Protein backbone atom coordinates (compact mmCIF):
# COMPACT_ATOMS: atom_id res chain seq x y z
CA UNK A 1 0.06 -0.04 0.21
CA UNK A 2 2.59 2.27 1.26
CA UNK A 3 4.84 1.87 -2.63
CA UNK A 4 1.31 2.58 -4.19
CA UNK A 5 0.67 5.57 -2.28
CA UNK A 6 4.40 7.32 -2.98
CA UNK A 7 3.69 6.21 -6.78
CA UNK A 8 0.22 8.26 -6.40
CA UNK A 9 2.15 11.18 -5.23
CA UNK A 10 4.48 10.95 -8.18
CA UNK A 11 7.67 9.20 -6.74
CA UNK A 12 9.27 6.36 -8.71
CA UNK A 13 9.71 3.82 -6.36
CA UNK A 14 13.08 1.84 -6.26
CA UNK A 15 11.79 -1.98 -4.59
CA UNK A 16 13.02 -5.08 -4.31
CA UNK A 17 12.75 -8.53 -6.26
CA UNK A 18 11.92 -10.11 -3.29
CA UNK A 19 10.08 -12.97 -3.42
CA UNK A 20 8.36 -12.05 -0.43
CA UNK A 21 7.17 -8.58 -2.24
CA UNK A 22 4.58 -8.17 -4.36
CA UNK A 23 6.28 -4.21 -4.70
CA UNK A 24 8.27 -4.81 -8.02
CA UNK A 25 5.15 -5.19 -9.85
CA UNK A 26 4.90 -1.75 -9.74
CA UNK A 27 8.86 -0.71 -10.65
CA UNK A 28 8.92 1.69 -14.03
CA UNK A 29 11.23 0.02 -15.53
CA UNK A 30 14.76 -2.02 -15.17
CA UNK A 31 16.33 0.40 -12.94
CA UNK A 32 13.52 0.51 -10.24
CA UNK A 33 14.25 -2.90 -9.23
CA UNK A 34 17.12 -3.74 -6.82
CA UNK A 35 18.48 -7.67 -5.79
CA UNK A 36 16.76 -8.45 -2.57
CA UNK A 37 19.79 -8.24 0.35
CA UNK A 38 22.07 -6.56 -2.08
CA UNK A 39 22.79 -2.94 -0.78
CA UNK A 40 25.95 -2.35 -3.93
CA UNK A 41 22.71 -2.71 -6.61
CA UNK A 42 20.35 -0.36 -4.52
CA UNK A 43 22.99 1.83 -4.81
CA UNK A 44 23.25 1.47 -8.31
CA UNK A 45 19.80 2.03 -8.78
CA UNK A 46 19.40 5.05 -6.79
CA UNK A 47 22.65 6.93 -8.05
CA UNK A 48 21.25 5.65 -11.90
CA UNK A 49 18.13 7.75 -11.60
CA UNK A 50 19.94 10.72 -9.87
CA UNK A 51 22.21 11.11 -12.80
CA UNK A 52 19.05 10.48 -15.36
CA UNK A 53 16.87 13.42 -14.12
CA UNK A 54 14.79 13.44 -17.57
CA UNK A 55 14.17 9.78 -17.05
CA UNK A 56 12.64 10.39 -13.86
CA UNK A 57 10.84 13.12 -14.89
CA UNK A 58 9.12 11.06 -17.61
CA UNK A 59 8.77 7.99 -15.34
CA UNK A 60 6.91 10.23 -12.41
CA UNK A 61 3.69 10.88 -15.49
CA UNK A 62 4.11 7.42 -16.81
CA UNK A 63 3.98 5.60 -13.07
CA UNK A 64 1.21 7.71 -11.52
CA UNK A 65 -1.13 6.96 -14.23
CA UNK A 66 0.23 3.06 -13.67
CA UNK A 67 -1.58 3.24 -10.13
CA UNK A 68 -5.04 4.03 -12.08
CA UNK A 69 -5.18 0.17 -12.12
CA UNK A 70 -5.24 -0.24 -8.31
CA UNK A 71 -7.48 2.40 -7.54
CA UNK A 72 -10.38 1.32 -4.66
CA UNK A 73 -13.08 1.54 -7.05
CA UNK A 74 -11.54 -1.32 -9.40
CA UNK A 75 -9.41 -3.34 -6.66
CA UNK A 76 -13.38 -3.96 -5.13
CA UNK A 77 -14.38 -4.88 -8.49
CA UNK A 78 -12.07 -7.73 -8.74
CA UNK A 79 -11.99 -8.38 -5.16
CA UNK A 80 -16.22 -9.06 -6.15
CA UNK A 81 -15.56 -10.79 -9.30
CA UNK A 82 -12.63 -13.44 -7.35
CA UNK A 83 -15.48 -14.06 -4.39
CA UNK A 84 -18.27 -14.77 -7.05
CA UNK A 85 -15.63 -17.06 -8.88
CA UNK A 86 -14.73 -19.02 -5.26
CA UNK A 87 -18.71 -18.84 -5.16
CA UNK A 88 -19.44 -20.43 -8.17
CA UNK A 89 -16.90 -22.96 -7.55
CA UNK A 90 -17.99 -23.95 -4.52
CA UNK A 91 -21.36 -24.44 -5.90
CA UNK A 92 -20.21 -26.66 -8.64
CA UNK A 93 -18.21 -28.63 -6.16
CA UNK A 94 -21.26 -29.31 -3.97
CA UNK A 95 -23.36 -30.74 -6.66
CA UNK A 96 -20.95 -33.16 -7.31
CA UNK A 97 -20.75 -33.92 -3.81
CA UNK A 98 -23.43 -32.39 -1.97
CA UNK A 99 -22.61 -33.56 1.11
CA UNK A 100 -19.13 -33.40 1.19
CA UNK A 101 -18.50 -29.53 2.84
CA UNK A 102 -21.31 -31.14 5.34
CA UNK A 103 -19.33 -33.65 6.59
CA UNK A 104 -15.97 -31.64 6.36
CA UNK A 105 -17.39 -29.29 9.21
CA UNK A 106 -19.35 -31.96 10.95
CA UNK A 107 -15.77 -33.09 11.47
CA UNK A 108 -14.36 -30.14 12.60
CA UNK A 109 -17.05 -29.34 14.96
CA UNK A 110 -16.68 -33.03 16.51
CA UNK A 111 -15.63 -32.45 20.01
CA UNK A 112 -15.26 -36.04 20.57
CA UNK A 113 -12.20 -35.70 17.76
CA UNK A 114 -8.85 -34.43 17.79
CA UNK A 115 -7.31 -33.02 14.78
């Protein structure tokens, strides 16, 4: 969230390529992504942006426009669609095995049974 807020304010983020983070999807280009844990690579990326002010200015506009893909309205629409797909899958699974979910829940709620 912080990265999106920074981008919306016109900042070009420099983000890690860490597998534990999704922020690299907001990178303006390859000069905005440093190798996770590599402080020298991070310093190189910072230096690159300082040395290329025209690219920085151009990317500020482009990346701010990119944030429109992450507005609350658009995100909520995607969340709703995801839940609708999940519900449809659940309904289809119940048609294939009608008591499967109920039996599963009963197993979880059986106080005499230790999971």
